[in-house]
Amino acid sequence: MLEIPDFVAHAPVAQETLDAYEGLVPEEIVELWQRCGYGSFGEGFVRIVDPHAYEARIGNLLGKMIGDGRAVPIMVTALADVVLWEPDRGVTGLLLRQRRAVGLGSRPRTFVRLTAKHGAVHLARALDWDPYPDAVARHGVPAYDEVLVESGGALEPRPALPAIEAMLDRQGPILH
């Protein structure tokens, strides 16, 4: 069972979502959804999100080109990165602000445990969180449904899903 000490709950996951994604994501994600629901951890940097809502808005922009299966959005970061589950590759981070993909482990528990154990050090290494602390000092931790995006040379809070969709529309998918 995955333990996330600084998890802040936002909402429960609907049974329909659990049923729809069972078999598409690892059992540990389904268990996390059942036990914790949607919410944030890693000092508010990582958010567990509704995969259906994200697939509906950005699924065609995710750039899945390698391997079989679909890329399921399971998390986003406060800097508008999308974390995907890919059955053939494991956990992949799409760092939209840098137009690159990074591997985050073969299982979701690897990413979650490393984040829980090492916090900012792990997030800086895995997801280049370096701009986040300064932005939090200026704006506070963004709300669950907000991300910090570049605007006029500074990071500003914006609604998460529309901001991510706009970034992908503007720059195109990151092939992975």
N, C-alpha and C. Protein backbone atom coordinates (compact mmCIF):
# COMPACT_ATOMS: atom_id res chain seq x y z
N MET A 1 0.84 -1.18 0.00
CA MET A 1 0.00 0.00 0.00
C MET A 1 0.89 1.25 0.00
N LEU A 2 0.56 2.18 -0.86
CA LEU A 2 1.33 3.43 -0.96
C LEU A 2 0.91 4.39 0.14
N GLU A 3 1.88 4.90 0.85
CA GLU A 3 1.63 5.91 1.88
C GLU A 3 2.19 7.24 1.39
N ILE A 4 1.37 8.29 1.50
CA ILE A 4 1.80 9.62 1.09
C ILE A 4 1.57 10.55 2.29
N PRO A 5 2.62 10.82 3.06
CA PRO A 5 2.46 11.57 4.31
C PRO A 5 1.86 12.96 4.15
N ASP A 6 2.19 13.67 3.08
CA ASP A 6 1.69 15.05 2.96
C ASP A 6 0.52 15.17 1.97
N PHE A 7 -0.20 14.07 1.76
CA PHE A 7 -1.33 14.10 0.82
C PHE A 7 -2.44 15.01 1.33
N VAL A 8 -2.94 15.88 0.44
CA VAL A 8 -4.07 16.75 0.75
C VAL A 8 -5.20 16.36 -0.18
N ALA A 9 -6.27 15.82 0.39
CA ALA A 9 -7.40 15.33 -0.41
C ALA A 9 -8.16 16.48 -1.04
N HIS A 10 -8.63 16.24 -2.26
CA HIS A 10 -9.46 17.21 -2.96
C HIS A 10 -10.87 16.67 -3.16
N ALA A 11 -10.99 15.45 -3.68
CA ALA A 11 -12.30 14.85 -3.95
C ALA A 11 -12.14 13.35 -4.09
N PRO A 12 -13.21 12.60 -3.82
CA PRO A 12 -13.15 11.16 -4.05
C PRO A 12 -13.21 10.84 -5.55
N VAL A 13 -12.76 9.65 -5.90
CA VAL A 13 -12.83 9.19 -7.29
C VAL A 13 -14.14 8.44 -7.47
N ALA A 14 -14.89 8.78 -8.51
CA ALA A 14 -16.18 8.14 -8.78
C ALA A 14 -15.99 6.67 -9.12
N GLN A 15 -16.95 5.86 -8.70
CA GLN A 15 -16.90 4.42 -8.99
C GLN A 15 -16.82 4.17 -10.49
N GLU A 16 -17.48 5.01 -11.29
CA GLU A 16 -17.44 4.84 -12.75
C GLU A 16 -16.01 4.97 -13.27
N THR A 17 -15.25 5.87 -12.69
CA THR A 17 -13.85 6.05 -13.10
C THR A 17 -13.03 4.83 -12.69
N LEU A 18 -13.23 4.36 -11.47
CA LEU A 18 -12.53 3.17 -11.02
C LEU A 18 -12.81 1.99 -11.95
N ASP A 19 -14.08 1.81 -12.30
CA ASP A 19 -14.46 0.71 -13.18
C ASP A 19 -13.88 0.89 -14.58
N ALA A 20 -13.91 2.11 -15.10
CA ALA A 20 -13.44 2.37 -16.47
C ALA A 20 -11.94 2.17 -16.61
N TYR A 21 -11.17 2.44 -15.57
CA TYR A 21 -9.71 2.39 -15.68
C TYR A 21 -9.09 1.14 -15.06
N GLU A 22 -9.92 0.31 -14.43
CA GLU A 22 -9.40 -0.95 -13.91
C GLU A 22 -8.92 -1.79 -15.08
N GLY A 23 -7.70 -2.27 -15.01
CA GLY A 23 -7.11 -3.02 -16.11
C GLY A 23 -6.31 -2.15 -17.07
N LEU A 24 -6.56 -0.85 -17.07
CA LEU A 24 -5.79 0.08 -17.91
C LEU A 24 -4.62 0.69 -17.14
N VAL A 25 -4.78 0.78 -15.83
CA VAL A 25 -3.71 1.30 -14.97
C VAL A 25 -3.38 0.22 -13.95
N PRO A 26 -2.20 0.26 -13.35
CA PRO A 26 -1.85 -0.74 -12.35
C PRO A 26 -2.80 -0.71 -11.15
N GLU A 27 -2.93 -1.85 -10.52
CA GLU A 27 -3.79 -1.98 -9.34
C GLU A 27 -3.40 -0.96 -8.26
N GLU A 28 -2.12 -0.63 -8.15
CA GLU A 28 -1.69 0.32 -7.12
C GLU A 28 -2.29 1.71 -7.35
N ILE A 29 -2.54 2.09 -8.61
CA ILE A 29 -3.21 3.37 -8.89
C ILE A 29 -4.67 3.29 -8.49
N VAL A 30 -5.33 2.19 -8.84
CA VAL A 30 -6.74 2.01 -8.46
C VAL A 30 -6.86 2.06 -6.93
N GLU A 31 -5.95 1.38 -6.23
CA GLU A 31 -5.97 1.40 -4.76
C GLU A 31 -5.73 2.81 -4.22
N LEU A 32 -4.83 3.55 -4.84
CA LEU A 32 -4.57 4.93 -4.43
C LEU A 32 -5.81 5.79 -4.63
N TRP A 33 -6.47 5.63 -5.77
CA TRP A 33 -7.72 6.36 -6.02
C TRP A 33 -8.78 6.01 -4.98
N GLN A 34 -8.90 4.72 -4.67
CA GLN A 34 -9.91 4.29 -3.70
C GLN A 34 -9.61 4.83 -2.31
N ARG A 35 -8.35 4.76 -1.90
CA ARG A 35 -7.98 5.15 -0.54
C ARG A 35 -7.87 6.66 -0.36
N CYS A 36 -7.27 7.34 -1.33
CA CYS A 36 -6.97 8.77 -1.17
C CYS A 36 -7.87 9.68 -1.99
N GLY A 37 -8.29 9.21 -3.15
CA GLY A 37 -9.04 10.07 -4.07
C GLY A 37 -8.11 10.98 -4.83
N TYR A 38 -8.66 12.05 -5.36
CA TYR A 38 -7.85 13.06 -6.04
C TYR A 38 -7.30 14.01 -4.98
N GLY A 39 -6.11 14.54 -5.24
CA GLY A 39 -5.51 15.45 -4.28
C GLY A 39 -4.08 15.74 -4.66
N SER A 40 -3.35 16.36 -3.74
CA SER A 40 -1.98 16.77 -4.04
C SER A 40 -1.02 16.25 -2.98
N PHE A 41 0.26 16.17 -3.36
CA PHE A 41 1.33 15.78 -2.44
C PHE A 41 2.63 16.36 -2.97
N GLY A 42 3.72 16.09 -2.27
CA GLY A 42 5.01 16.65 -2.69
C GLY A 42 5.02 18.16 -2.56
N GLU A 43 4.60 18.64 -1.37
CA GLU A 43 4.52 20.08 -1.09
C GLU A 43 3.58 20.81 -2.05
N GLY A 44 2.53 20.09 -2.47
CA GLY A 44 1.54 20.68 -3.37
C GLY A 44 1.95 20.66 -4.83
N PHE A 45 3.09 20.06 -5.15
CA PHE A 45 3.61 20.07 -6.52
C PHE A 45 2.94 19.04 -7.41
N VAL A 46 2.65 17.86 -6.88
CA VAL A 46 2.08 16.77 -7.68
C VAL A 46 0.61 16.63 -7.33
N ARG A 47 -0.23 16.51 -8.38
CA ARG A 47 -1.67 16.36 -8.17
C ARG A 47 -2.14 15.08 -8.84
N ILE A 48 -2.87 14.26 -8.11
CA ILE A 48 -3.51 13.08 -8.68
C ILE A 48 -4.82 13.58 -9.29
N VAL A 49 -5.00 13.34 -10.60
CA VAL A 49 -6.10 13.95 -11.33
C VAL A 49 -7.06 12.91 -11.92
N ASP A 50 -8.20 13.40 -12.38
CA ASP A 50 -9.21 12.58 -13.03
C ASP A 50 -8.73 12.22 -14.44
N PRO A 51 -8.39 10.97 -14.69
CA PRO A 51 -7.86 10.62 -16.01
C PRO A 51 -8.87 10.84 -17.12
N HIS A 52 -10.13 10.62 -16.82
CA HIS A 52 -11.15 10.79 -17.87
C HIS A 52 -11.24 12.26 -18.31
N ALA A 53 -11.23 13.18 -17.37
CA ALA A 53 -11.32 14.60 -17.72
C ALA A 53 -10.13 15.02 -18.57
N TYR A 54 -8.94 14.54 -18.21
CA TYR A 54 -7.74 14.90 -18.98
C TYR A 54 -7.71 14.21 -20.34
N GLU A 55 -8.10 12.94 -20.40
CA GLU A 55 -8.14 12.27 -21.70
C GLU A 55 -9.14 12.95 -22.64
N ALA A 56 -10.28 13.36 -22.09
CA ALA A 56 -11.31 14.00 -22.92
C ALA A 56 -10.80 15.30 -23.54
N ARG A 57 -10.01 16.07 -22.79
CA ARG A 57 -9.54 17.37 -23.28
C ARG A 57 -8.22 17.30 -24.02
N ILE A 58 -7.28 16.44 -23.58
CA ILE A 58 -5.94 16.46 -24.18
C ILE A 58 -5.47 15.09 -24.68
N GLY A 59 -6.31 14.09 -24.61
CA GLY A 59 -5.89 12.74 -25.00
C GLY A 59 -5.30 12.67 -26.40
N ASN A 60 -5.87 13.41 -27.34
CA ASN A 60 -5.36 13.40 -28.71
C ASN A 60 -4.09 14.22 -28.88
N LEU A 61 -3.67 14.92 -27.85
CA LEU A 61 -2.47 15.76 -27.92
C LEU A 61 -1.30 15.20 -27.13
N LEU A 62 -1.45 14.01 -26.57
CA LEU A 62 -0.42 13.49 -25.68
C LEU A 62 0.80 12.93 -26.38
N GLY A 63 0.72 12.68 -27.69
CA GLY A 63 1.91 12.32 -28.45
C GLY A 63 2.39 10.90 -28.31
N LYS A 64 1.53 9.97 -27.88
CA LYS A 64 1.95 8.56 -27.73
C LYS A 64 2.26 7.99 -29.10
N MET A 65 3.53 7.68 -29.33
CA MET A 65 3.97 7.15 -30.62
C MET A 65 4.70 5.82 -30.50
N ILE A 66 5.22 5.52 -29.34
CA ILE A 66 6.07 4.35 -29.16
C ILE A 66 5.31 3.30 -28.36
N GLY A 67 5.35 2.07 -28.81
CA GLY A 67 4.75 0.97 -28.06
C GLY A 67 3.26 0.87 -28.25
N ASP A 68 2.69 -0.05 -27.50
CA ASP A 68 1.26 -0.33 -27.58
C ASP A 68 0.53 0.30 -26.41
N GLY A 69 -0.77 0.32 -26.52
CA GLY A 69 -1.59 0.82 -25.43
C GLY A 69 -1.74 2.32 -25.46
N ARG A 70 -2.55 2.80 -24.54
CA ARG A 70 -2.76 4.24 -24.50
C ARG A 70 -2.05 4.84 -23.30
N ALA A 71 -1.77 6.10 -23.41
CA ALA A 71 -1.13 6.85 -22.33
C ALA A 71 -2.25 7.46 -21.48
N VAL A 72 -2.32 7.06 -20.23
CA VAL A 72 -3.38 7.52 -19.33
C VAL A 72 -2.82 8.59 -18.39
N PRO A 73 -3.36 9.81 -18.44
CA PRO A 73 -2.92 10.86 -17.50
C PRO A 73 -3.35 10.49 -16.08
N ILE A 74 -2.38 10.40 -15.17
CA ILE A 74 -2.71 10.05 -13.79
C ILE A 74 -2.38 11.17 -12.81
N MET A 75 -1.47 12.06 -13.22
CA MET A 75 -1.06 13.18 -12.36
C MET A 75 -0.67 14.36 -13.23
N VAL A 76 -0.68 15.53 -12.63
CA VAL A 76 -0.08 16.72 -13.25
C VAL A 76 0.74 17.40 -12.16
N THR A 77 1.65 18.26 -12.58
CA THR A 77 2.42 19.01 -11.59
C THR A 77 1.94 20.46 -11.55
N ALA A 78 2.37 21.16 -10.54
CA ALA A 78 2.02 22.57 -10.40
C ALA A 78 2.66 23.42 -11.49
N LEU A 79 3.61 22.84 -12.25
CA LEU A 79 4.23 23.56 -13.37
C LEU A 79 3.69 23.08 -14.72
N ALA A 80 2.51 22.46 -14.69
CA ALA A 80 1.78 22.04 -15.90
C ALA A 80 2.44 20.90 -16.65
N ASP A 81 3.16 20.03 -15.94
CA ASP A 81 3.67 18.81 -16.55
C ASP A 81 2.59 17.74 -16.39
N VAL A 82 2.54 16.80 -17.32
CA VAL A 82 1.56 15.72 -17.27
C VAL A 82 2.30 14.42 -17.00
N VAL A 83 1.83 13.68 -16.01
CA VAL A 83 2.42 12.37 -15.68
C VAL A 83 1.45 11.30 -16.18
N LEU A 84 1.99 10.40 -17.00
CA LEU A 84 1.19 9.39 -17.68
C LEU A 84 1.54 7.99 -17.20
N TRP A 85 0.56 7.09 -17.26
CA TRP A 85 0.84 5.67 -17.15
C TRP A 85 0.79 5.09 -18.56
N GLU A 86 1.87 4.42 -18.95
CA GLU A 86 1.94 3.75 -20.24
C GLU A 86 2.27 2.29 -19.97
N PRO A 87 1.36 1.37 -20.30
CA PRO A 87 1.57 -0.04 -19.95
C PRO A 87 2.91 -0.61 -20.42
N ASP A 88 3.40 -0.16 -21.55
CA ASP A 88 4.64 -0.71 -22.09
C ASP A 88 5.88 0.05 -21.64
N ARG A 89 5.72 1.20 -20.99
CA ARG A 89 6.88 2.01 -20.61
C ARG A 89 6.91 2.37 -19.13
N GLY A 90 5.79 2.29 -18.46
CA GLY A 90 5.73 2.69 -17.06
C GLY A 90 5.24 4.12 -16.91
N VAL A 91 5.79 4.82 -15.95
CA VAL A 91 5.37 6.19 -15.65
C VAL A 91 6.26 7.15 -16.44
N THR A 92 5.62 8.01 -17.21
CA THR A 92 6.32 8.98 -18.06
C THR A 92 5.87 10.38 -17.69
N GLY A 93 6.81 11.29 -17.57
CA GLY A 93 6.49 12.69 -17.33
C GLY A 93 6.67 13.48 -18.61
N LEU A 94 5.65 14.22 -19.01
CA LEU A 94 5.76 15.14 -20.14
C LEU A 94 6.01 16.53 -19.58
N LEU A 95 7.24 16.99 -19.66
CA LEU A 95 7.59 18.32 -19.18
C LEU A 95 7.28 19.30 -20.30
N LEU A 96 6.04 19.77 -20.34
CA LEU A 96 5.57 20.61 -21.44
C LEU A 96 6.40 21.88 -21.57
N ARG A 97 6.79 22.46 -20.45
CA ARG A 97 7.55 23.72 -20.49
C ARG A 97 8.93 23.52 -21.10
N GLN A 98 9.40 22.28 -21.15
CA GLN A 98 10.72 21.99 -21.73
C GLN A 98 10.62 21.15 -23.00
N ARG A 99 9.40 20.81 -23.39
CA ARG A 99 9.15 20.01 -24.60
C ARG A 99 9.94 18.70 -24.61
N ARG A 100 9.89 17.98 -23.49
CA ARG A 100 10.58 16.70 -23.44
C ARG A 100 9.84 15.73 -22.52
N ALA A 101 10.11 14.45 -22.75
CA ALA A 101 9.54 13.39 -21.92
C ALA A 101 10.64 12.78 -21.06
N VAL A 102 10.29 12.38 -19.84
CA VAL A 102 11.24 11.74 -18.94
C VAL A 102 10.61 10.50 -18.34
N GLY A 103 11.41 9.47 -18.13
CA GLY A 103 10.95 8.28 -17.45
C GLY A 103 10.95 8.51 -15.95
N LEU A 104 9.87 8.08 -15.29
CA LEU A 104 9.74 8.29 -13.85
C LEU A 104 9.64 6.98 -13.07
N GLY A 105 9.92 5.87 -13.73
CA GLY A 105 9.89 4.57 -13.06
C GLY A 105 8.99 3.59 -13.77
N SER A 106 9.25 2.33 -13.52
CA SER A 106 8.45 1.29 -14.17
C SER A 106 7.09 1.11 -13.51
N ARG A 107 6.95 1.54 -12.28
CA ARG A 107 5.70 1.42 -11.54
C ARG A 107 5.38 2.77 -10.88
N PRO A 108 4.10 3.10 -10.75
CA PRO A 108 3.75 4.35 -10.07
C PRO A 108 4.28 4.41 -8.64
N ARG A 109 4.33 3.28 -7.95
CA ARG A 109 4.80 3.29 -6.56
C ARG A 109 6.24 3.79 -6.45
N THR A 110 7.05 3.56 -7.49
CA THR A 110 8.44 4.04 -7.47
C THR A 110 8.46 5.55 -7.37
N PHE A 111 7.71 6.22 -8.25
CA PHE A 111 7.66 7.68 -8.25
C PHE A 111 7.08 8.21 -6.94
N VAL A 112 5.97 7.63 -6.49
CA VAL A 112 5.31 8.11 -5.27
C VAL A 112 6.22 7.92 -4.05
N ARG A 113 6.83 6.75 -3.92
CA ARG A 113 7.70 6.50 -2.76
C ARG A 113 8.92 7.40 -2.75
N LEU A 114 9.54 7.59 -3.91
CA LEU A 114 10.70 8.48 -3.97
C LEU A 114 10.32 9.91 -3.62
N THR A 115 9.14 10.34 -4.08
CA THR A 115 8.67 11.69 -3.74
C THR A 115 8.38 11.79 -2.25
N ALA A 116 7.72 10.78 -1.69
CA ALA A 116 7.40 10.81 -0.26
C ALA A 116 8.68 10.80 0.59
N LYS A 117 9.68 10.04 0.16
CA LYS A 117 10.91 9.90 0.95
C LYS A 117 11.86 11.08 0.78
N HIS A 118 12.03 11.56 -0.45
CA HIS A 118 13.06 12.57 -0.73
C HIS A 118 12.51 13.95 -1.08
N GLY A 119 11.21 14.08 -1.24
CA GLY A 119 10.57 15.37 -1.46
C GLY A 119 11.18 16.21 -2.56
N ALA A 120 11.56 17.43 -2.20
CA ALA A 120 12.06 18.41 -3.17
C ALA A 120 13.29 17.92 -3.92
N VAL A 121 14.14 17.17 -3.26
CA VAL A 121 15.35 16.67 -3.93
C VAL A 121 14.97 15.76 -5.10
N HIS A 122 14.03 14.84 -4.85
CA HIS A 122 13.58 13.94 -5.92
C HIS A 122 12.84 14.72 -7.01
N LEU A 123 11.96 15.62 -6.62
CA LEU A 123 11.18 16.37 -7.61
C LEU A 123 12.07 17.27 -8.46
N ALA A 124 13.11 17.83 -7.87
CA ALA A 124 14.05 18.65 -8.65
C ALA A 124 14.77 17.80 -9.68
N ARG A 125 15.17 16.61 -9.28
CA ARG A 125 15.90 15.72 -10.19
C ARG A 125 14.97 15.13 -11.26
N ALA A 126 13.80 14.67 -10.86
CA ALA A 126 12.90 13.96 -11.78
C ALA A 126 12.09 14.89 -12.67
N LEU A 127 11.64 16.02 -12.12
CA LEU A 127 10.70 16.88 -12.84
C LEU A 127 11.14 18.34 -12.90
N ASP A 128 12.38 18.61 -12.62
CA ASP A 128 12.92 19.97 -12.69
C ASP A 128 12.00 20.98 -12.00
N TRP A 129 11.81 20.78 -10.73
CA TRP A 129 10.88 21.62 -9.98
C TRP A 129 11.48 22.96 -9.57
N ASP A 130 12.71 23.24 -9.96
CA ASP A 130 13.44 24.42 -9.47
C ASP A 130 12.67 25.74 -9.49
N PRO A 131 11.85 26.05 -10.50
CA PRO A 131 11.11 27.32 -10.45
C PRO A 131 9.99 27.35 -9.40
N TYR A 132 9.58 26.18 -8.92
CA TYR A 132 8.41 26.09 -8.06
C TYR A 132 8.57 26.82 -6.72
N PRO A 133 9.63 26.62 -5.96
CA PRO A 133 9.72 27.30 -4.65
C PRO A 133 9.62 28.82 -4.73
N ASP A 134 10.25 29.43 -5.72
CA ASP A 134 10.16 30.89 -5.87
C ASP A 134 8.73 31.32 -6.20
N ALA A 135 8.07 30.56 -7.07
CA ALA A 135 6.69 30.89 -7.43
C ALA A 135 5.77 30.74 -6.23
N VAL A 136 6.00 29.72 -5.41
CA VAL A 136 5.19 29.53 -4.20
C VAL A 136 5.44 30.67 -3.22
N ALA A 137 6.66 31.15 -3.13
CA ALA A 137 6.95 32.28 -2.25
C ALA A 137 6.17 33.52 -2.69
N ARG A 138 5.96 33.68 -4.00
CA ARG A 138 5.21 34.84 -4.52
C ARG A 138 3.70 34.64 -4.44
N HIS A 139 3.22 33.44 -4.79
CA HIS A 139 1.78 33.23 -4.95
C HIS A 139 1.16 32.28 -3.93
N GLY A 140 1.97 31.57 -3.17
CA GLY A 140 1.46 30.49 -2.34
C GLY A 140 1.32 29.23 -3.18
N VAL A 141 1.03 28.12 -2.51
CA VAL A 141 0.83 26.86 -3.23
C VAL A 141 -0.42 27.00 -4.08
N PRO A 142 -0.34 26.69 -5.38
CA PRO A 142 -1.53 26.81 -6.22
C PRO A 142 -2.65 25.87 -5.74
N ALA A 143 -3.87 26.28 -5.98
CA ALA A 143 -5.02 25.42 -5.67
C ALA A 143 -4.90 24.12 -6.46
N TYR A 144 -5.60 23.10 -6.02
CA TYR A 144 -5.55 21.79 -6.67
C TYR A 144 -5.77 21.88 -8.18
N ASP A 145 -6.69 22.72 -8.59
CA ASP A 145 -7.04 22.80 -10.02
C ASP A 145 -6.35 23.96 -10.73
N GLU A 146 -5.21 24.41 -10.19
CA GLU A 146 -4.42 25.46 -10.82
C GLU A 146 -3.00 24.96 -11.10
N VAL A 147 -2.38 25.58 -12.09
CA VAL A 147 -0.96 25.36 -12.38
C VAL A 147 -0.30 26.72 -12.54
N LEU A 148 1.01 26.72 -12.44
CA LEU A 148 1.79 27.95 -12.63
C LEU A 148 2.40 27.90 -14.03
N VAL A 149 2.06 28.88 -14.86
CA VAL A 149 2.58 28.90 -16.23
C VAL A 149 3.26 30.24 -16.50
N GLU A 150 4.20 30.19 -17.42
CA GLU A 150 4.96 31.38 -17.81
C GLU A 150 4.02 32.42 -18.41
N SER A 151 4.11 33.63 -17.89
CA SER A 151 3.31 34.74 -18.39
C SER A 151 4.10 36.02 -18.17
N GLY A 152 4.59 36.60 -19.24
CA GLY A 152 5.36 37.84 -19.13
C GLY A 152 6.65 37.68 -18.35
N GLY A 153 7.28 36.51 -18.45
CA GLY A 153 8.55 36.29 -17.78
C GLY A 153 8.45 35.80 -16.35
N ALA A 154 7.24 35.61 -15.84
CA ALA A 154 7.05 35.11 -14.48
C ALA A 154 6.02 33.99 -14.50
N LEU A 155 6.04 33.16 -13.49
CA LEU A 155 5.04 32.11 -13.36
C LEU A 155 3.80 32.67 -12.69
N GLU A 156 2.65 32.43 -13.32
CA GLU A 156 1.38 32.94 -12.81
C GLU A 156 0.38 31.79 -12.71
N PRO A 157 -0.50 31.81 -11.70
CA PRO A 157 -1.51 30.75 -11.57
C PRO A 157 -2.56 30.85 -12.67
N ARG A 158 -2.93 29.68 -13.21
CA ARG A 158 -3.96 29.56 -14.23
C ARG A 158 -4.75 28.28 -13.97
N PRO A 159 -6.00 28.20 -14.46
CA PRO A 159 -6.73 26.93 -14.35
C PRO A 159 -5.96 25.81 -15.06
N ALA A 160 -5.80 24.68 -14.40
CA ALA A 160 -4.90 23.62 -14.85
C ALA A 160 -5.22 23.06 -16.23
N LEU A 161 -6.37 22.48 -16.40
CA LEU A 161 -6.65 21.78 -17.65
C LEU A 161 -6.67 22.71 -18.86
N PRO A 162 -7.32 23.87 -18.80
CA PRO A 162 -7.24 24.78 -19.95
C PRO A 162 -5.82 25.25 -20.25
N ALA A 163 -5.01 25.46 -19.22
CA ALA A 163 -3.62 25.90 -19.44
C ALA A 163 -2.80 24.81 -20.12
N ILE A 164 -2.95 23.58 -19.66
CA ILE A 164 -2.23 22.46 -20.27
C ILE A 164 -2.69 22.25 -21.70
N GLU A 165 -3.99 22.31 -21.92
CA GLU A 165 -4.52 22.16 -23.28
C GLU A 165 -3.97 23.26 -24.20
N ALA A 166 -3.92 24.49 -23.72
CA ALA A 166 -3.40 25.59 -24.53
C ALA A 166 -1.92 25.38 -24.85
N MET A 167 -1.15 24.90 -23.87
CA MET A 167 0.27 24.65 -24.13
C MET A 167 0.44 23.59 -25.21
N LEU A 168 -0.33 22.51 -25.12
CA LEU A 168 -0.22 21.44 -26.11
C LEU A 168 -0.73 21.90 -27.48
N ASP A 169 -1.78 22.70 -27.50
CA ASP A 169 -2.28 23.25 -28.78
C ASP A 169 -1.22 24.11 -29.44
N ARG A 170 -0.57 24.94 -28.65
CA ARG A 170 0.42 25.88 -29.16
C ARG A 170 1.69 25.18 -29.65
N GLN A 171 2.20 24.25 -28.87
CA GLN A 171 3.50 23.65 -29.19
C GLN A 171 3.40 22.30 -29.87
N GLY A 172 2.23 21.68 -29.84
CA GLY A 172 2.09 20.35 -30.41
C GLY A 172 2.48 19.28 -29.41
N PRO A 173 2.18 18.03 -29.73
CA PRO A 173 2.47 16.94 -28.80
C PRO A 173 3.96 16.70 -28.64
N ILE A 174 4.33 16.15 -27.51
CA ILE A 174 5.70 15.70 -27.26
C ILE A 174 5.70 14.21 -27.57
N LEU A 175 6.38 13.82 -28.63
CA LEU A 175 6.37 12.43 -29.03
C LEU A 175 7.15 11.60 -28.03
N HIS A 176 6.55 10.48 -27.64
CA HIS A 176 7.19 9.58 -26.67
C HIS A 176 6.72 8.17 -26.92
